[in-house]
Amino acid sequence: MAELTIQEIETIVKRDENRIMEAKKTTGELAAGMQSGCAFLNTEGGWLFFGIHPQKLTLLGQDVADQTRQDIANAFRKFAPAIDLSAQYIEVPDKPGKYVIAIYFKAPKAFEAPYTFDGRPWYKVENTTALMPREMFDERIRLSDPEKFSWEKTMLPGATDKDISNKRLVQIINAGINKGRIPPEAASLRSIDQRLDHFNLRTAEGYLTNAAVALFGKQPTRKISQCELKLARFEGTNMRVFRDQMVCEGNLFDQYDAIEDFCRKHMFLSGTMDQKERIDTLTVPYKVIREAALNILIHRTWWSSGNVLSVAIFDDRVEFANPGAFPPGTSPESFYRRPQSQPINKLISEVFFKSGLMEAWGRGIPDIFDLCKESGLPKPEFELANGYVYLTIRFAKPLTPRLSGDRVNDREDEREKPIVLTSRQQLLLSLMKENDRVTTEEMKEKLNVSISTVNREIAALKKKRALDRKGGDKDGSWVVLI
């Protein structure tokens, strides 16, 4: 890097961008300065100056002796991993023998291991330097070597073929064959193991991986507690009052379907007549919902058992939240300008792509931006906070207080209780959606439970107002209400 001039230093300092510039009076604050340098290396890069007043931002200069240079060189050796840093010494005009010391710390590359100074990692929170949380540090370490620390490729202890939904597995293979992304001969695979091996979802020793159960598990939360999705419709623009709430404990394809169904239920549908056929459109285009759903399902991180996905619908917006972060040194805008695919869950991404649900690698964010613009919606908003990436899509027109299909009591002071379903109840409803005349005996066989358990779950679903029965026991049918 070319040596700075005093004029260039003054230009940088006058910007007063504390997130990418730190000023110290003297190297008496060397340790604190290097902590900020470490934060620059872990966030967006930046300049560290000694010999500048941190509040007034005036050039003070400082004496520079051989010991000063040695102290700085010794401080450089405390960075890990080792990095090539250099200090520039620029004499201050009208102050003979006084120098400003300038050190530039580069921005991190995507999925680069975090830096530490003197054994501790630092990062920037707005314009402050803070100690990096252990969870964030561990996650960055894992992302720096995804093959070594891959969650999705790790064996899931105790998982067997009995935990896998063969029906969903066959469905995805057939969908991929129809899309031309899976060879037709895959249809001849007969065992669950063979079908999982087609997607590389077992270890070399034949054990099921985390990804196998996350993608195709019957009741994945029994093995992976964070394989869960929270869905909510709030009244107004804050989280004070629930209109509706449910928890999906199914696999990732179940969660994809749940997001689609929930958004269709709670966003106004506008209908137009075209050649005697009604064409319905969501407040937010379905393709935007699809891409946003794929984004949170595919790009989430998994290591923390307490972090789950969520979709929240308000009167004026819908928010998608997934545990994770954008790669260091990148932003949604950079992905929009130069689409790229850097999935941290490559196996999961590959299965979604082969299924035909994901149209193209690296196009998710650009498509969300473009589709919102084409539909007259405000520009989507991304925010990183508390270990989550939030995508907010604001509506062109707010939803009205009462939505078609919502079961809201006529009295304003009575609110509907949240609907929370167990994974078994979700499976029952899925069976009834597929066949509204399915018998309790058939449910018993498919769920591998007793008749009394089936009847107990049906009674619970009716109590939650998620299910009703039309007609008698022999000639009637099931009516799924959510």
Protein backbone atom coordinates (compact mmCIF):
# COMPACT_ATOMS: atom_id res chain seq x y z
CA MET A 1 0.00 0.00 0.00
CA ALA A 2 1.32 3.47 -0.95
CA GLU A 3 2.34 5.67 1.98
CA LEU A 4 -0.34 8.06 3.16
CA THR A 5 0.07 11.82 3.07
CA ILE A 6 -1.09 14.16 5.81
CA GLN A 7 -3.81 15.40 3.47
CA GLU A 8 -5.11 11.86 2.94
CA ILE A 9 -5.09 11.24 6.70
CA GLU A 10 -7.09 14.41 7.27
CA THR A 11 -9.60 13.31 4.62
CA ILE A 12 -10.06 9.89 6.29
CA VAL A 13 -10.36 11.40 9.76
CA LYS A 14 -12.87 14.07 8.70
CA ARG A 15 -15.26 11.35 7.59
CA ASP A 16 -15.56 10.44 11.28
CA GLU A 17 -16.66 6.90 10.36
CA ASN A 18 -15.85 5.25 13.66
CA ARG A 19 -16.81 1.80 12.42
CA ILE A 20 -13.86 1.81 10.00
CA MET A 21 -11.53 4.29 11.72
CA GLU A 22 -10.07 4.43 15.22
CA ALA A 23 -7.97 7.30 16.63
CA LYS A 24 -5.72 7.19 19.70
CA LYS A 25 -3.63 9.99 21.21
CA THR A 26 -0.44 7.94 21.62
CA THR A 27 0.87 4.39 21.61
CA GLY A 28 0.31 4.49 25.36
CA GLU A 29 -3.03 3.02 24.27
CA LEU A 30 -1.35 0.43 22.06
CA ALA A 31 -3.22 -2.59 23.45
CA ALA A 32 -6.63 -0.92 23.10
CA GLY A 33 -5.70 0.19 19.59
CA MET A 34 -4.72 -3.32 18.54
CA GLN A 35 -7.99 -4.67 19.93
CA SER A 36 -9.75 -2.29 17.55
CA GLY A 37 -7.44 -3.49 14.79
CA CYS A 38 -8.51 -7.06 15.54
CA ALA A 39 -12.15 -5.92 15.35
CA PHE A 40 -11.45 -4.38 11.93
CA LEU A 41 -9.99 -7.68 10.73
CA ASN A 42 -13.14 -9.49 11.89
CA THR A 43 -15.69 -6.99 10.57
CA GLU A 44 -15.19 -4.59 7.65
CA GLY A 45 -11.54 -3.54 7.83
CA GLY A 46 -10.38 -0.05 8.79
CA TRP A 47 -7.64 2.43 9.78
CA LEU A 48 -5.98 2.73 13.18
CA PHE A 49 -4.18 6.03 13.92
CA PHE A 50 -1.94 7.03 16.81
CA GLY A 51 -1.22 10.72 17.30
CA ILE A 52 -4.79 11.96 16.68
CA HIS A 53 -7.21 13.26 19.30
CA PRO A 54 -10.09 10.71 19.42
CA GLN A 55 -12.83 13.30 20.10
CA LYS A 56 -11.59 16.46 18.39
CA LEU A 57 -9.96 14.48 15.56
CA THR A 58 -7.09 16.97 15.40
CA LEU A 59 -3.55 15.95 14.46
CA LEU A 60 -1.43 15.84 17.61
CA GLY A 61 1.48 13.71 16.51
CA GLN A 62 3.72 11.82 18.91
CA ASP A 63 7.37 11.06 19.43
CA VAL A 64 8.60 7.94 17.69
CA ALA A 65 11.67 6.18 19.08
CA ASP A 66 13.17 2.78 18.31
CA GLN A 67 11.28 1.39 21.30
CA THR A 68 7.99 2.66 19.80
CA ARG A 69 8.65 0.73 16.60
CA GLN A 70 9.63 -2.39 18.55
CA ASP A 71 6.48 -2.19 20.69
CA ILE A 72 4.31 -2.01 17.57
CA ALA A 73 6.18 -4.90 15.93
CA ASN A 74 5.74 -7.00 19.08
CA ALA A 75 2.04 -6.19 19.13
CA PHE A 76 1.73 -7.39 15.52
CA ARG A 77 3.12 -10.77 16.61
CA LYS A 78 0.18 -11.20 18.99
CA PHE A 79 -2.32 -11.57 16.13
CA ALA A 80 -3.47 -15.06 15.22
CA PRO A 81 -3.53 -16.36 12.62
CA ALA A 82 -0.31 -14.56 11.69
CA ILE A 83 -0.87 -11.60 9.39
CA ASP A 84 1.37 -9.25 7.46
CA LEU A 85 0.84 -5.78 8.97
CA SER A 86 2.89 -2.63 8.54
CA ALA A 87 2.89 0.77 10.22
CA GLN A 88 3.40 4.07 8.43
CA TYR A 89 5.03 7.04 10.21
CA ILE A 90 3.95 10.37 8.73
CA GLU A 91 5.48 13.58 10.10
CA VAL A 92 3.01 16.28 11.11
CA PRO A 93 3.64 19.69 9.41
CA ASP A 94 4.70 22.48 11.75
CA LYS A 95 5.47 19.88 14.45
CA PRO A 96 9.03 18.70 13.83
CA GLY A 97 9.71 15.24 15.27
CA LYS A 98 6.00 14.49 15.78
CA TYR A 99 4.42 11.69 13.76
CA VAL A 100 1.04 10.19 13.07
CA ILE A 101 1.26 6.40 13.03
CA ALA A 102 -1.14 4.76 10.54
CA ILE A 103 -1.95 1.05 10.31
CA TYR A 104 -4.45 -0.44 7.87
CA PHE A 105 -6.33 -3.64 8.70
CA LYS A 106 -7.90 -5.38 5.70
CA ALA A 107 -11.52 -6.55 5.56
CA PRO A 108 -12.02 -10.28 6.07
CA LYS A 109 -12.67 -12.63 3.19
CA ALA A 110 -15.81 -14.75 3.11
CA PHE A 111 -15.68 -17.68 5.52
CA GLU A 112 -12.25 -16.67 6.83
CA ALA A 113 -11.28 -17.83 10.32
CA PRO A 114 -11.68 -15.07 12.93
CA TYR A 115 -8.58 -13.21 14.14
CA THR A 116 -7.54 -12.87 17.76
CA PHE A 117 -5.24 -10.38 19.47
CA ASP A 118 -3.35 -11.65 22.48
CA GLY A 119 -5.57 -14.73 22.49
CA ARG A 120 -8.95 -12.93 22.39
CA PRO A 121 -11.26 -12.21 19.40
CA TRP A 122 -12.72 -8.74 18.91
CA TYR A 123 -15.31 -7.35 16.52
CA LYS A 124 -17.15 -4.11 15.77
CA VAL A 125 -20.64 -3.46 17.13
CA GLU A 126 -21.68 -0.24 15.39
CA ASN A 127 -18.82 2.12 16.31
CA THR A 128 -17.60 0.24 19.39
CA THR A 129 -15.05 -2.54 19.84
CA ALA A 130 -16.40 -5.56 21.70
CA LEU A 131 -15.22 -9.02 22.67
CA MET A 132 -16.67 -11.52 20.21
CA PRO A 133 -19.22 -13.88 21.82
CA ARG A 134 -18.07 -17.48 22.10
CA GLU A 135 -20.93 -18.74 19.96
CA MET A 136 -20.07 -16.32 17.15
CA PHE A 137 -16.38 -17.23 17.35
CA ASP A 138 -17.14 -20.96 17.20
CA GLU A 139 -19.49 -20.44 14.26
CA ARG A 140 -16.84 -18.48 12.35
CA ILE A 141 -14.31 -21.25 13.01
CA ARG A 142 -16.73 -23.83 11.64
CA LEU A 143 -17.49 -21.73 8.57
CA SER A 144 -13.78 -21.33 7.87
CA ASP A 145 -13.46 -25.09 7.31
CA PRO A 146 -16.94 -26.39 6.43
CA GLU A 147 -15.67 -29.82 5.42
CA LYS A 148 -13.98 -30.38 8.76
CA PHE A 149 -16.79 -28.94 10.87
CA SER A 150 -19.77 -29.76 8.65
CA TRP A 151 -22.93 -30.16 10.76
CA GLU A 152 -24.95 -31.65 7.93
CA LYS A 153 -22.35 -34.37 7.20
CA THR A 154 -21.95 -35.34 10.86
CA MET A 155 -23.38 -38.70 11.97
CA LEU A 156 -26.59 -38.35 14.01
CA PRO A 157 -26.29 -40.78 16.94
CA GLY A 158 -29.19 -43.18 17.31
CA ALA A 159 -30.83 -42.29 13.98
CA THR A 160 -32.07 -45.22 11.87
CA ASP A 161 -34.10 -45.78 8.73
CA LYS A 162 -37.22 -45.87 10.92
CA ASP A 163 -36.73 -42.14 11.51
CA ILE A 164 -36.95 -41.41 7.78
CA SER A 165 -40.15 -40.64 5.86
CA ASN A 166 -39.82 -42.93 2.85
CA LYS A 167 -42.91 -41.31 1.33
CA ARG A 168 -41.30 -37.86 1.33
CA LEU A 169 -38.01 -39.31 0.08
CA VAL A 170 -39.70 -40.97 -2.91
CA GLN A 171 -41.72 -37.81 -3.58
CA ILE A 172 -38.57 -35.69 -3.85
CA ILE A 173 -36.81 -38.22 -6.07
CA ASN A 174 -39.80 -38.34 -8.42
CA ALA A 175 -40.02 -34.53 -8.47
CA GLY A 176 -36.33 -34.33 -9.36
CA ILE A 177 -36.75 -36.88 -12.15
CA ASN A 178 -39.65 -34.86 -13.59
CA LYS A 179 -37.46 -31.73 -13.46
CA GLY A 180 -34.62 -33.52 -15.23
CA ARG A 181 -32.27 -33.01 -12.29
CA ILE A 182 -32.22 -36.60 -11.11
CA PRO A 183 -31.53 -39.48 -13.54
CA PRO A 184 -34.58 -41.65 -14.31
CA GLU A 185 -32.84 -44.80 -13.04
CA ALA A 186 -33.12 -43.37 -9.49
CA ALA A 187 -36.78 -44.45 -9.61
CA SER A 188 -35.60 -48.07 -9.43
CA LEU A 189 -33.96 -47.58 -6.02
CA ARG A 190 -35.87 -49.74 -3.57
CA SER A 191 -34.47 -49.23 -0.07
CA ILE A 192 -34.29 -46.12 2.10
CA ASP A 193 -30.52 -46.55 2.35
CA GLN A 194 -30.14 -46.58 -1.44
CA ARG A 195 -32.28 -43.48 -1.78
CA LEU A 196 -30.37 -41.62 0.94
CA ASP A 197 -27.06 -42.65 -0.64
CA HIS A 198 -28.22 -41.07 -3.89
CA PHE A 199 -28.16 -37.73 -2.02
CA ASN A 200 -24.98 -38.59 -0.05
CA LEU A 201 -26.93 -38.47 3.20
CA ARG A 202 -25.17 -41.35 4.93
CA THR A 203 -21.61 -41.55 6.19
CA ALA A 204 -19.05 -43.88 4.61
CA GLU A 205 -19.82 -46.31 7.44
CA GLY A 206 -23.54 -46.29 6.63
CA TYR A 207 -24.78 -44.08 9.47
CA LEU A 208 -27.45 -41.43 8.92
CA THR A 209 -26.25 -37.83 8.91
CA ASN A 210 -27.88 -34.80 10.50
CA ALA A 211 -28.92 -33.65 7.03
CA ALA A 212 -30.76 -36.92 6.33
CA VAL A 213 -33.06 -36.47 9.32
CA ALA A 214 -33.43 -32.70 8.85
CA LEU A 215 -34.52 -33.22 5.23
CA PHE A 216 -36.55 -36.42 5.45
CA GLY A 217 -37.22 -37.16 9.14
CA LYS A 218 -40.68 -38.26 10.23
CA GLN A 219 -40.36 -36.43 13.55
CA PRO A 220 -36.97 -34.73 13.31
CA THR A 221 -37.24 -32.72 16.53
CA ARG A 222 -36.89 -35.97 18.47
CA LYS A 223 -33.30 -36.11 17.25
CA ILE A 224 -32.64 -32.46 16.30
CA SER A 225 -34.44 -30.09 18.65
CA GLN A 226 -33.71 -26.99 16.55
CA CYS A 227 -35.36 -28.47 13.45
CA GLU A 228 -38.41 -26.34 14.13
CA LEU A 229 -40.28 -23.47 12.52
CA LYS A 230 -42.40 -20.85 14.28
CA LEU A 231 -45.17 -19.13 12.34
CA ALA A 232 -47.18 -16.21 13.63
CA ARG A 233 -49.73 -13.65 12.47
CA PHE A 234 -49.74 -10.55 14.66
CA GLU A 235 -52.43 -7.91 14.83
CA GLY A 236 -51.09 -4.47 14.01
CA THR A 237 -47.41 -3.69 13.52
CA ASN A 238 -45.91 -5.11 16.72
CA MET A 239 -45.85 -8.42 18.61
CA ARG A 240 -48.28 -7.55 21.40
CA VAL A 241 -51.31 -9.43 20.08
CA PHE A 242 -51.33 -12.81 18.28
CA ARG A 243 -53.96 -13.46 15.65
CA ASP A 244 -52.65 -16.95 14.94
CA GLN A 245 -49.60 -19.00 15.84
CA MET A 246 -48.31 -22.47 15.07
CA VAL A 247 -45.11 -24.45 15.44
CA CYS A 248 -44.04 -26.84 12.70
CA GLU A 249 -41.79 -29.61 13.97
CA GLY A 250 -41.58 -31.40 10.63
CA ASN A 251 -38.64 -31.85 8.28
CA LEU A 252 -37.38 -29.06 6.01
CA PHE A 253 -39.80 -29.94 3.20
CA ASP A 254 -42.68 -29.95 5.70
CA GLN A 255 -41.50 -26.54 6.87
CA TYR A 256 -41.41 -25.26 3.30
CA ASP A 257 -45.02 -26.37 2.81
CA ALA A 258 -46.01 -24.86 6.17
CA ILE A 259 -44.59 -21.44 5.21
CA GLU A 260 -46.48 -21.50 1.91
CA ASP A 261 -49.77 -22.54 3.54
CA PHE A 262 -49.47 -20.02 6.38
CA CYS A 263 -48.74 -17.13 4.02
CA ARG A 264 -51.59 -18.09 1.72
CA LYS A 265 -53.91 -18.22 4.73
CA HIS A 266 -52.99 -14.88 6.24
CA MET A 267 -52.16 -12.60 3.30
CA PHE A 268 -55.01 -11.12 1.35
CA LEU A 269 -55.72 -12.76 -1.96
CA SER A 270 -56.77 -10.46 -4.79
CA GLY A 271 -58.63 -12.19 -7.58
CA THR A 272 -59.02 -11.35 -11.26
CA MET A 273 -61.06 -13.09 -13.94
CA ASP A 274 -59.17 -14.23 -17.01
CA GLN A 275 -60.97 -16.43 -19.57
CA LYS A 276 -63.52 -17.47 -16.92
CA GLU A 277 -60.78 -18.65 -14.57
CA ARG A 278 -59.99 -16.89 -11.32
CA ILE A 279 -56.33 -15.91 -10.87
CA ASP A 280 -55.37 -15.21 -7.25
CA THR A 281 -52.28 -13.32 -6.17
CA LEU A 282 -50.80 -12.83 -2.73
CA THR A 283 -50.07 -9.45 -1.19
CA VAL A 284 -46.46 -10.52 -1.66
CA PRO A 285 -45.91 -12.52 -4.88
CA TYR A 286 -45.72 -16.25 -4.32
CA LYS A 287 -42.27 -16.40 -5.93
CA VAL A 288 -40.95 -13.95 -3.32
CA ILE A 289 -42.39 -16.10 -0.52
CA ARG A 290 -40.84 -19.16 -2.10
CA GLU A 291 -37.37 -17.62 -2.42
CA ALA A 292 -37.51 -16.20 1.10
CA ALA A 293 -38.58 -19.58 2.47
CA LEU A 294 -35.76 -21.36 0.64
CA ASN A 295 -33.31 -18.75 1.90
CA ILE A 296 -34.04 -19.37 5.58
CA LEU A 297 -34.29 -23.16 5.21
CA ILE A 298 -31.09 -23.64 3.23
CA HIS A 299 -28.78 -20.99 4.67
CA ARG A 300 -29.50 -21.30 8.39
CA THR A 301 -26.86 -22.43 10.86
CA TRP A 302 -27.50 -25.45 13.04
CA TRP A 303 -24.98 -25.66 15.84
CA SER A 304 -27.05 -23.88 18.49
CA SER A 305 -29.94 -26.01 19.74
CA GLY A 306 -31.84 -22.93 20.93
CA ASN A 307 -32.08 -21.14 17.57
CA VAL A 308 -35.05 -21.87 15.30
CA LEU A 309 -36.55 -20.38 12.15
CA SER A 310 -39.52 -18.02 12.22
CA VAL A 311 -41.92 -16.24 9.89
CA ALA A 312 -43.97 -13.36 11.30
CA ILE A 313 -46.78 -11.60 9.44
CA PHE A 314 -47.87 -8.13 10.54
CA ASP A 315 -50.42 -5.74 9.04
CA ASP A 316 -47.71 -3.93 7.10
CA ARG A 317 -44.97 -6.51 6.49
CA VAL A 318 -43.74 -10.08 6.70
CA GLU A 319 -40.46 -10.95 8.43
CA PHE A 320 -38.35 -14.05 7.82
CA ALA A 321 -35.67 -14.88 10.41
CA ASN A 322 -32.99 -17.54 10.35
CA PRO A 323 -29.99 -18.21 12.59
CA GLY A 324 -26.80 -17.21 10.81
CA ALA A 325 -24.98 -14.32 9.20
CA PHE A 326 -23.78 -13.07 5.87
CA PRO A 327 -20.21 -14.11 5.12
CA PRO A 328 -17.74 -11.57 6.60
CA GLY A 329 -17.07 -8.72 4.21
CA THR A 330 -20.28 -9.29 2.23
CA SER A 331 -23.76 -7.80 2.28
CA PRO A 332 -27.14 -8.40 0.58
CA GLU A 333 -26.29 -5.59 -1.83
CA SER A 334 -23.06 -7.31 -2.87
CA PHE A 335 -25.00 -10.53 -3.52
CA TYR A 336 -27.48 -8.57 -5.61
CA ARG A 337 -24.73 -7.00 -7.72
CA ARG A 338 -22.76 -10.21 -8.16
CA PRO A 339 -24.91 -13.31 -7.54
CA GLN A 340 -22.87 -16.12 -6.06
CA SER A 341 -23.52 -19.37 -4.29
CA GLN A 342 -21.73 -19.91 -0.99
CA PRO A 343 -24.06 -22.31 0.86
CA ILE A 344 -22.82 -23.43 4.25
CA ASN A 345 -25.18 -26.42 3.97
CA LYS A 346 -24.13 -27.79 0.59
CA LEU A 347 -25.89 -31.14 0.97
CA ILE A 348 -29.19 -29.54 1.95
CA SER A 349 -28.86 -26.99 -0.87
CA GLU A 350 -28.14 -29.79 -3.36
CA VAL A 351 -31.24 -31.76 -2.36
CA PHE A 352 -33.49 -28.69 -2.66
CA PHE A 353 -31.99 -27.92 -6.06
CA LYS A 354 -32.47 -31.47 -7.32
CA SER A 355 -36.06 -31.44 -6.05
CA GLY A 356 -36.83 -28.55 -8.41
CA LEU A 357 -37.92 -26.17 -5.64
CA MET A 358 -34.75 -24.12 -5.99
CA GLU A 359 -34.52 -22.75 -9.51
CA ALA A 360 -30.88 -21.66 -9.78
CA TRP A 361 -27.72 -21.40 -7.68
CA GLY A 362 -27.07 -18.00 -6.13
CA ARG A 363 -30.21 -16.31 -7.53
CA GLY A 364 -32.30 -16.15 -4.34
CA ILE A 365 -31.47 -12.64 -3.15
CA PRO A 366 -31.41 -11.03 -6.63
CA ASP A 367 -34.78 -12.61 -7.43
CA ILE A 368 -36.29 -11.31 -4.18
CA PHE A 369 -35.09 -7.76 -4.97
CA ASP A 370 -36.21 -7.92 -8.61
CA LEU A 371 -39.62 -9.48 -7.96
CA CYS A 372 -40.44 -6.94 -5.24
CA LYS A 373 -39.49 -4.11 -7.58
CA GLU A 374 -41.61 -5.54 -10.41
CA SER A 375 -44.59 -5.86 -8.05
CA GLY A 376 -44.33 -2.29 -6.77
CA LEU A 377 -43.22 -3.34 -3.29
CA PRO A 378 -40.63 -1.39 -1.28
CA LYS A 379 -37.03 -2.58 -1.44
CA PRO A 380 -36.54 -5.63 0.84
CA GLU A 381 -34.65 -4.97 4.05
CA PHE A 382 -31.96 -7.20 5.55
CA GLU A 383 -30.76 -6.87 9.12
CA LEU A 384 -28.26 -8.85 11.18
CA ALA A 385 -29.06 -8.90 14.91
CA ASN A 386 -28.59 -11.28 17.84
CA GLY A 387 -27.23 -14.08 15.68
CA TYR A 388 -30.12 -13.95 13.19
CA VAL A 389 -30.52 -12.66 9.65
CA TYR A 390 -33.86 -10.86 9.27
CA LEU A 391 -35.49 -10.31 5.87
CA THR A 392 -38.37 -7.83 5.95
CA ILE A 393 -40.74 -7.41 3.01
CA ARG A 394 -43.12 -4.49 3.41
CA PHE A 395 -46.52 -4.47 1.75
CA ALA A 396 -47.58 -1.86 -0.77
CA LYS A 397 -50.90 -1.63 1.11
CA PRO A 398 -51.41 -2.78 4.72
CA LEU A 399 -53.61 -5.74 5.46
CA THR A 400 -57.02 -4.86 6.90
CA PRO A 401 -57.87 -5.69 10.52
CA ARG A 402 -59.94 -8.71 9.52
CA LEU A 403 -58.55 -11.28 7.09
CA SER A 404 -60.62 -13.67 5.04
CA GLY A 405 -60.50 -17.13 6.55
CA ASP A 406 -59.33 -16.02 10.02
CA ARG A 407 -61.45 -17.29 12.86
CA VAL A 408 -61.58 -14.14 14.99
CA ASN A 409 -64.23 -13.67 17.67
CA ASP A 410 -66.75 -10.90 17.02
CA ARG A 411 -65.89 -9.29 20.34
CA GLU A 412 -62.84 -7.06 20.04
CA ASP A 413 -61.59 -7.97 23.51
CA GLU A 414 -61.49 -11.71 22.78
CA ARG A 415 -58.43 -12.99 20.92
CA GLU A 416 -57.94 -16.40 19.39
CA LYS A 417 -55.49 -18.58 21.26
CA PRO A 418 -52.33 -19.57 19.38
CA ILE A 419 -52.52 -22.91 17.61
CA VAL A 420 -49.50 -25.04 18.49
CA LEU A 421 -49.37 -28.49 16.93
CA THR A 422 -47.17 -31.44 17.80
CA SER A 423 -45.37 -33.23 14.99
CA ARG A 424 -47.79 -36.17 15.28
CA GLN A 425 -50.77 -33.83 14.94
CA GLN A 426 -49.17 -32.24 11.89
CA LEU A 427 -48.75 -35.68 10.34
CA LEU A 428 -52.40 -36.47 11.02
CA LEU A 429 -53.52 -33.25 9.35
CA SER A 430 -51.26 -34.00 6.38
CA LEU A 431 -52.92 -37.40 5.96
CA MET A 432 -56.37 -35.78 6.10
CA LYS A 433 -55.39 -33.11 3.56
CA GLU A 434 -54.25 -35.83 1.17
CA ASN A 435 -57.36 -37.94 1.77
CA ASP A 436 -60.30 -36.36 3.60
CA ARG A 437 -61.88 -39.81 4.03
CA VAL A 438 -58.85 -41.51 5.57
CA THR A 439 -59.93 -43.87 8.35
CA THR A 440 -58.61 -44.02 11.88
CA GLU A 441 -57.39 -47.55 11.15
CA GLU A 442 -55.34 -46.23 8.21
CA MET A 443 -53.99 -43.43 10.40
CA LYS A 444 -53.00 -45.99 13.02
CA GLU A 445 -51.01 -47.98 10.44
CA LYS A 446 -49.30 -44.97 8.89
CA LEU A 447 -48.29 -43.44 12.24
CA ASN A 448 -47.52 -46.80 13.86
CA VAL A 449 -49.55 -45.96 16.97
CA SER A 450 -52.66 -47.36 18.69
CA ILE A 451 -56.25 -46.49 17.79
CA SER A 452 -56.68 -44.83 21.19
CA THR A 453 -53.71 -42.56 20.44
CA VAL A 454 -55.21 -41.59 17.07
CA ASN A 455 -58.58 -40.79 18.69
CA ARG A 456 -56.88 -38.79 21.43
CA GLU A 457 -54.95 -36.71 18.87
CA ILE A 458 -58.10 -36.13 16.80
CA ALA A 459 -59.93 -34.91 19.91
CA ALA A 460 -57.03 -32.55 20.67
CA LEU A 461 -57.08 -31.18 17.12
CA LYS A 462 -60.82 -30.52 17.34
CA LYS A 463 -60.33 -28.77 20.68
CA LYS A 464 -57.67 -26.57 19.10
CA ARG A 465 -60.14 -25.80 16.28
CA ALA A 466 -57.70 -27.19 13.76
CA LEU A 467 -60.01 -30.01 12.63
CA ASP A 468 -63.70 -30.72 12.09
CA ARG A 469 -65.79 -33.62 10.82
CA LYS A 470 -68.46 -33.34 8.13
CA GLY A 471 -70.98 -36.16 8.03
CA GLY A 472 -71.08 -39.44 9.93
CA ASP A 473 -68.32 -41.83 10.93
CA LYS A 474 -68.86 -44.07 7.89
CA ASP A 475 -69.79 -41.66 5.10
CA GLY A 476 -68.31 -38.37 6.36
CA SER A 477 -65.06 -36.57 5.67
CA TRP A 478 -62.42 -34.59 7.54
CA VAL A 479 -62.24 -30.79 7.30
CA VAL A 480 -58.82 -29.32 8.09
CA LEU A 481 -59.33 -25.76 9.38
CA ILE A 482 -55.74 -24.47 9.27
